Amino acid sequence: MATPNYSYEKRQRELAKKRKTEEKRQRKVNKPDGEAEGVEGAEPAEGEAPVEGTAPPTAA
């Protein structure tokens, strides 16, 4: 009888987890404006306070 290949199974679980995380990140990035929360680079909607630690937008 063949022995189970635990390394292969572990790698498959890791790949599935990575794929799921990437899909979740893509869903966050593709949200319509105004719904993007916690996405780096997203600007707050009017009347909303900016995220702590970010500089306010400046007019050039």
PDB file of N, CA and C in Angstrom:
ATOM      1  N   MET A   1       0.847  -1.184   0.000  1.00  0.00           N
ATOM      2  CA  MET A   1       0.000   0.000   0.000  1.00  0.00           C
ATOM      3  C   MET A   1       0.894   1.250   0.000  1.00  0.00           C
ATOM      4  N   ALA A   2       0.507   2.242  -0.790  1.00  0.00           N
ATOM      5  CA  ALA A   2       1.277   3.476  -0.893  1.00  0.00           C
ATOM      6  C   ALA A   2       1.029   4.355   0.331  1.00  0.00           C
ATOM      7  N   THR A   3       2.041   5.110   0.711  1.00  0.00           N
ATOM      8  CA  THR A   3       1.898   6.022   1.851  1.00  0.00           C
ATOM      9  C   THR A   3       1.337   7.353   1.362  1.00  0.00           C
ATOM     10  N   PRO A   4       0.568   8.028   2.203  1.00  0.00           N
ATOM     11  CA  PRO A   4       0.004   9.321   1.808  1.00  0.00           C
ATOM     12  C   PRO A   4       1.108  10.373   1.634  1.00  0.00           C
ATOM     13  N   ASN A   5       0.928  11.245   0.673  1.00  0.00           N
ATOM     14  CA  ASN A   5       1.896  12.306   0.409  1.00  0.00           C
ATOM     15  C   ASN A   5       1.410  13.573   1.127  1.00  0.00           C
ATOM     16  N   TYR A   6       1.805  13.702   2.384  1.00  0.00           N
ATOM     17  CA  TYR A   6       1.332  14.823   3.190  1.00  0.00           C
ATOM     18  C   TYR A   6       1.840  16.159   2.679  1.00  0.00           C
ATOM     19  N   SER A   7       3.025  16.171   2.102  1.00  0.00           N
ATOM     20  CA  SER A   7       3.571  17.423   1.572  1.00  0.00           C
ATOM     21  C   SER A   7       2.694  17.963   0.453  1.00  0.00           C
ATOM     22  N   TYR A   8       2.234  17.075  -0.417  1.00  0.00           N
ATOM     23  CA  TYR A   8       1.367  17.484  -1.527  1.00  0.00           C
ATOM     24  C   TYR A   8       0.054  18.039  -0.981  1.00  0.00           C
ATOM     25  N   GLU A   9      -0.549  17.329  -0.022  1.00  0.00           N
ATOM     26  CA  GLU A   9      -1.815  17.774   0.559  1.00  0.00           C
ATOM     27  C   GLU A   9      -1.662  19.139   1.230  1.00  0.00           C
ATOM     28  N   LYS A  10      -0.565  19.313   1.951  1.00  0.00           N
ATOM     29  CA  LYS A  10      -0.318  20.587   2.630  1.00  0.00           C
ATOM     30  C   LYS A  10      -0.172  21.712   1.615  1.00  0.00           C
ATOM     31  N   ARG A  11       0.571  21.454   0.536  1.00  0.00           N
ATOM     32  CA  ARG A  11       0.773  22.465  -0.508  1.00  0.00           C
ATOM     33  C   ARG A  11      -0.554  22.846  -1.155  1.00  0.00           C
ATOM     34  N   GLN A  12      -1.423  21.856  -1.374  1.00  0.00           N
ATOM     35  CA  GLN A  12      -2.724  22.145  -1.971  1.00  0.00           C
ATOM     36  C   GLN A  12      -3.567  23.021  -1.052  1.00  0.00           C
ATOM     37  N   ARG A  13      -3.516  22.742   0.255  1.00  0.00           N
ATOM     38  CA  ARG A  13      -4.257  23.577   1.211  1.00  0.00           C
ATOM     39  C   ARG A  13      -3.718  25.001   1.206  1.00  0.00           C
ATOM     40  N   GLU A  14      -2.385  25.136   1.167  1.00  0.00           N
ATOM     41  CA  GLU A  14      -1.768  26.471   1.141  1.00  0.00           C
ATOM     42  C   GLU A  14      -2.174  27.231  -0.116  1.00  0.00           C
ATOM     43  N   LEU A  15      -2.180  26.543  -1.257  1.00  0.00           N
ATOM     44  CA  LEU A  15      -2.567  27.194  -2.511  1.00  0.00           C
ATOM     45  C   LEU A  15      -4.035  27.618  -2.472  1.00  0.00           C
ATOM     46  N   ALA A  16      -4.898  26.787  -1.914  1.00  0.00           N
ATOM     47  CA  ALA A  16      -6.315  27.128  -1.810  1.00  0.00           C
ATOM     48  C   ALA A  16      -6.506  28.356  -0.917  1.00  0.00           C
ATOM     49  N   LYS A  17      -5.761  28.406   0.190  1.00  0.00           N
ATOM     50  CA  LYS A  17      -5.856  29.542   1.110  1.00  0.00           C
ATOM     51  C   LYS A  17      -5.377  30.823   0.417  1.00  0.00           C
ATOM     52  N   LYS A  18      -4.272  30.708  -0.315  1.00  0.00           N
ATOM     53  CA  LYS A  18      -3.721  31.861  -1.028  1.00  0.00           C
ATOM     54  C   LYS A  18      -4.703  32.363  -2.088  1.00  0.00           C
ATOM     55  N   ARG A  19      -5.323  31.427  -2.817  1.00  0.00           N
ATOM     56  CA  ARG A  19      -6.301  31.772  -3.850  1.00  0.00           C
ATOM     57  C   ARG A  19      -7.501  32.488  -3.234  1.00  0.00           C
ATOM     58  N   LYS A  20      -7.983  31.973  -2.106  1.00  0.00           N
ATOM     59  CA  LYS A  20      -9.130  32.570  -1.435  1.00  0.00           C
ATOM     60  C   LYS A  20      -8.803  33.986  -0.955  1.00  0.00           C
ATOM     61  N   THR A  21      -7.610  34.167  -0.391  1.00  0.00           N
ATOM     62  CA  THR A  21      -7.183  35.487   0.075  1.00  0.00           C
ATOM     63  C   THR A  21      -7.097  36.471  -1.081  1.00  0.00           C
ATOM     64  N   GLU A  22      -6.547  36.021  -2.213  1.00  0.00           N
ATOM     65  CA  GLU A  22      -6.429  36.887  -3.384  1.00  0.00           C
ATOM     66  C   GLU A  22      -7.805  37.277  -3.927  1.00  0.00           C
ATOM     67  N   GLU A  23      -8.747  36.328  -3.957  1.00  0.00           N
ATOM     68  CA  GLU A  23     -10.110  36.638  -4.411  1.00  0.00           C
ATOM     69  C   GLU A  23     -10.766  37.660  -3.493  1.00  0.00           C
ATOM     70  N   LYS A  24     -10.548  37.520  -2.210  1.00  0.00           N
ATOM     71  CA  LYS A  24     -11.118  38.460  -1.238  1.00  0.00           C
ATOM     72  C   LYS A  24     -10.540  39.854  -1.450  1.00  0.00           C
ATOM     73  N   ARG A  25      -9.213  39.917  -1.685  1.00  0.00           N
ATOM     74  CA  ARG A  25      -8.568  41.206  -1.924  1.00  0.00           C
ATOM     75  C   ARG A  25      -9.121  41.843  -3.201  1.00  0.00           C
ATOM     76  N   GLN A  26      -9.338  41.033  -4.234  1.00  0.00           N
ATOM     77  CA  GLN A  26      -9.872  41.559  -5.491  1.00  0.00           C
ATOM     78  C   GLN A  26     -11.284  42.100  -5.298  1.00  0.00           C
ATOM     79  N   ARG A  27     -12.101  41.415  -4.488  1.00  0.00           N
ATOM     80  CA  ARG A  27     -13.458  41.905  -4.238  1.00  0.00           C
ATOM     81  C   ARG A  27     -13.409  43.261  -3.551  1.00  0.00           C
ATOM     82  N   LYS A  28     -12.480  43.436  -2.610  1.00  0.00           N
ATOM     83  CA  LYS A  28     -12.347  44.722  -1.918  1.00  0.00           C
ATOM     84  C   LYS A  28     -11.930  45.821  -2.886  1.00  0.00           C
ATOM     85  N   VAL A  29     -10.983  45.521  -3.775  1.00  0.00           N
ATOM     86  CA  VAL A  29     -10.467  46.504  -4.720  1.00  0.00           C
ATOM     87  C   VAL A  29     -11.552  46.898  -5.725  1.00  0.00           C
ATOM     88  N   ASN A  30     -12.394  45.963  -6.118  1.00  0.00           N
ATOM     89  CA  ASN A  30     -13.393  46.214  -7.158  1.00  0.00           C
ATOM     90  C   ASN A  30     -14.705  46.764  -6.627  1.00  0.00           C
ATOM     91  N   LYS A  31     -14.786  47.068  -5.340  1.00  0.00           N
ATOM     92  CA  LYS A  31     -16.004  47.658  -4.797  1.00  0.00           C
ATOM     93  C   LYS A  31     -16.249  49.019  -5.443  1.00  0.00           C
ATOM     94  N   PRO A  32     -17.519  49.388  -5.631  1.00  0.00           N
ATOM     95  CA  PRO A  32     -17.813  50.735  -6.154  1.00  0.00           C
ATOM     96  C   PRO A  32     -17.338  51.806  -5.173  1.00  0.00           C
ATOM     97  N   ASP A  33     -17.096  53.014  -5.681  1.00  0.00           N
ATOM     98  CA  ASP A  33     -16.650  54.116  -4.836  1.00  0.00           C
ATOM     99  C   ASP A  33     -17.645  54.338  -3.707  1.00  0.00           C
ATOM    100  N   GLY A  34     -17.131  54.713  -2.561  1.00  0.00           N
ATOM    101  CA  GLY A  34     -17.983  54.962  -1.406  1.00  0.00           C
ATOM    102  C   GLY A  34     -18.132  53.738  -0.531  1.00  0.00           C
ATOM    103  N   GLU A  35     -17.915  52.553  -1.089  1.00  0.00           N
ATOM    104  CA  GLU A  35     -18.008  51.334  -0.302  1.00  0.00           C
ATOM    105  C   GLU A  35     -16.635  50.803   0.062  1.00  0.00           C
ATOM    106  N   ALA A  36     -15.590  51.360  -0.537  1.00  0.00           N
ATOM    107  CA  ALA A  36     -14.229  50.856  -0.309  1.00  0.00           C
ATOM    108  C   ALA A  36     -13.770  51.270   1.083  1.00  0.00           C
ATOM    109  N   GLU A  37     -13.709  50.304   1.978  1.00  0.00           N
ATOM    110  CA  GLU A  37     -13.250  50.557   3.335  1.00  0.00           C
ATOM    111  C   GLU A  37     -12.008  49.735   3.577  1.00  0.00           C
ATOM    112  N   GLY A  38     -10.998  50.342   4.135  1.00  0.00           N
ATOM    113  CA  GLY A  38      -9.803  49.604   4.480  1.00  0.00           C
ATOM    114  C   GLY A  38      -8.911  49.298   3.294  1.00  0.00           C
ATOM    115  N   VAL A  39      -9.249  49.808   2.122  1.00  0.00           N
ATOM    116  CA  VAL A  39      -8.413  49.579   0.949  1.00  0.00           C
ATOM    117  C   VAL A  39      -7.420  50.711   0.861  1.00  0.00           C
ATOM    118  N   GLU A  40      -6.170  50.380   0.777  1.00  0.00           N
ATOM    119  CA  GLU A  40      -5.131  51.385   0.725  1.00  0.00           C
ATOM    120  C   GLU A  40      -5.286  52.214  -0.546  1.00  0.00           C
ATOM    121  N   GLY A  41      -5.186  53.511  -0.432  1.00  0.00           N
ATOM    122  CA  GLY A  41      -5.288  54.383  -1.589  1.00  0.00           C
ATOM    123  C   GLY A  41      -6.694  54.916  -1.807  1.00  0.00           C
ATOM    124  N   ALA A  42      -7.681  54.365  -1.118  1.00  0.00           N
ATOM    125  CA  ALA A  42      -9.061  54.826  -1.281  1.00  0.00           C
ATOM    126  C   ALA A  42      -9.237  56.121  -0.489  1.00  0.00           C
ATOM    127  N   GLU A  43      -9.877  57.090  -1.120  1.00  0.00           N
ATOM    128  CA  GLU A  43     -10.114  58.359  -0.447  1.00  0.00           C
ATOM    129  C   GLU A  43     -11.455  58.294   0.266  1.00  0.00           C
ATOM    130  N   PRO A  44     -11.578  58.943   1.432  1.00  0.00           N
ATOM    131  CA  PRO A  44     -12.849  58.934   2.144  1.00  0.00           C
ATOM    132  C   PRO A  44     -13.894  59.750   1.389  1.00  0.00           C
ATOM    133  N   ALA A  45     -15.154  59.381   1.538  1.00  0.00           N
ATOM    134  CA  ALA A  45     -16.245  60.107   0.893  1.00  0.00           C
ATOM    135  C   ALA A  45     -16.389  61.473   1.570  1.00  0.00           C
ATOM    136  N   GLU A  46     -17.129  62.370   0.917  1.00  0.00           N
ATOM    137  CA  GLU A  46     -17.325  63.699   1.482  1.00  0.00           C
ATOM    138  C   GLU A  46     -17.990  63.597   2.841  1.00  0.00           C
ATOM    139  N   GLY A  47     -17.524  64.375   3.798  1.00  0.00           N
ATOM    140  CA  GLY A  47     -18.088  64.379   5.132  1.00  0.00           C
ATOM    141  C   GLY A  47     -17.501  63.300   6.025  1.00  0.00           C
ATOM    142  N   GLU A  48     -16.707  62.391   5.450  1.00  0.00           N
ATOM    143  CA  GLU A  48     -16.079  61.336   6.233  1.00  0.00           C
ATOM    144  C   GLU A  48     -14.697  61.787   6.662  1.00  0.00           C
ATOM    145  N   ALA A  49     -14.303  61.396   7.845  1.00  0.00           N
ATOM    146  CA  ALA A  49     -12.969  61.747   8.330  1.00  0.00           C
ATOM    147  C   ALA A  49     -11.934  60.855   7.640  1.00  0.00           C
ATOM    148  N   PRO A  50     -10.780  61.411   7.306  1.00  0.00           N
ATOM    149  CA  PRO A  50      -9.747  60.573   6.680  1.00  0.00           C
ATOM    150  C   PRO A  50      -9.231  59.514   7.642  1.00  0.00           C
ATOM    151  N   VAL A  51      -8.683  58.460   7.105  1.00  0.00           N
ATOM    152  CA  VAL A  51      -8.132  57.375   7.908  1.00  0.00           C
ATOM    153  C   VAL A  51      -6.934  57.910   8.677  1.00  0.00           C
ATOM    154  N   GLU A  52      -6.848  57.547   9.947  1.00  0.00           N
ATOM    155  CA  GLU A  52      -5.758  58.014  10.790  1.00  0.00           C
ATOM    156  C   GLU A  52      -4.418  57.607  10.227  1.00  0.00           C
ATOM    157  N   GLY A  53      -3.467  58.526  10.215  1.00  0.00           N
ATOM    158  CA  GLY A  53      -2.138  58.216   9.720  1.00  0.00           C
ATOM    159  C   GLY A  53      -1.926  58.592   8.268  1.00  0.00           C
ATOM    160  N   THR A  54      -2.954  59.146   7.617  1.00  0.00           N
ATOM    161  CA  THR A  54      -2.803  59.573   6.228  1.00  0.00           C
ATOM    162  C   THR A  54      -2.892  61.085   6.165  1.00  0.00           C
ATOM    163  N   ALA A  55      -2.184  61.637   5.222  1.00  0.00           N
ATOM    164  CA  ALA A  55      -2.191  63.090   5.059  1.00  0.00           C
ATOM    165  C   ALA A  55      -3.424  63.501   4.259  1.00  0.00           C
ATOM    166  N   PRO A  56      -4.002  64.661   4.568  1.00  0.00           N
ATOM    167  CA  PRO A  56      -5.155  65.128   3.792  1.00  0.00           C
ATOM    168  C   PRO A  56      -4.725  65.463   2.374  1.00  0.00           C
ATOM    169  N   PRO A  57      -5.631  65.300   1.391  1.00  0.00           N
ATOM    170  CA  PRO A  57      -5.275  65.621   0.002  1.00  0.00           C
ATOM    171  C   PRO A  57      -4.966  67.110  -0.121  1.00  0.00           C
ATOM    172  N   THR A  58      -3.966  67.446  -0.912  1.00  0.00           N
ATOM    173  CA  THR A  58      -3.590  68.850  -1.101  1.00  0.00           C
ATOM    174  C   THR A  58      -3.904  69.260  -2.531  1.00  0.00           C
ATOM    175  N   ALA A  59      -4.296  70.495  -2.708  1.00  0.00           N
ATOM    176  CA  ALA A  59      -4.582  71.042  -4.034  1.00  0.00           C
ATOM    177  C   ALA A  59      -3.282  71.467  -4.671  1.00  0.00           C
ATOM    178  N   ALA A  60      -3.043  71.034  -5.879  1.00  0.00           N
ATOM    179  CA  ALA A  60      -1.793  71.376  -6.553  1.00  0.00           C
ATOM    180  C   ALA A  60      -1.975  72.544  -7.482  1.00  0.00           C
TER     181      ALA A  60
END
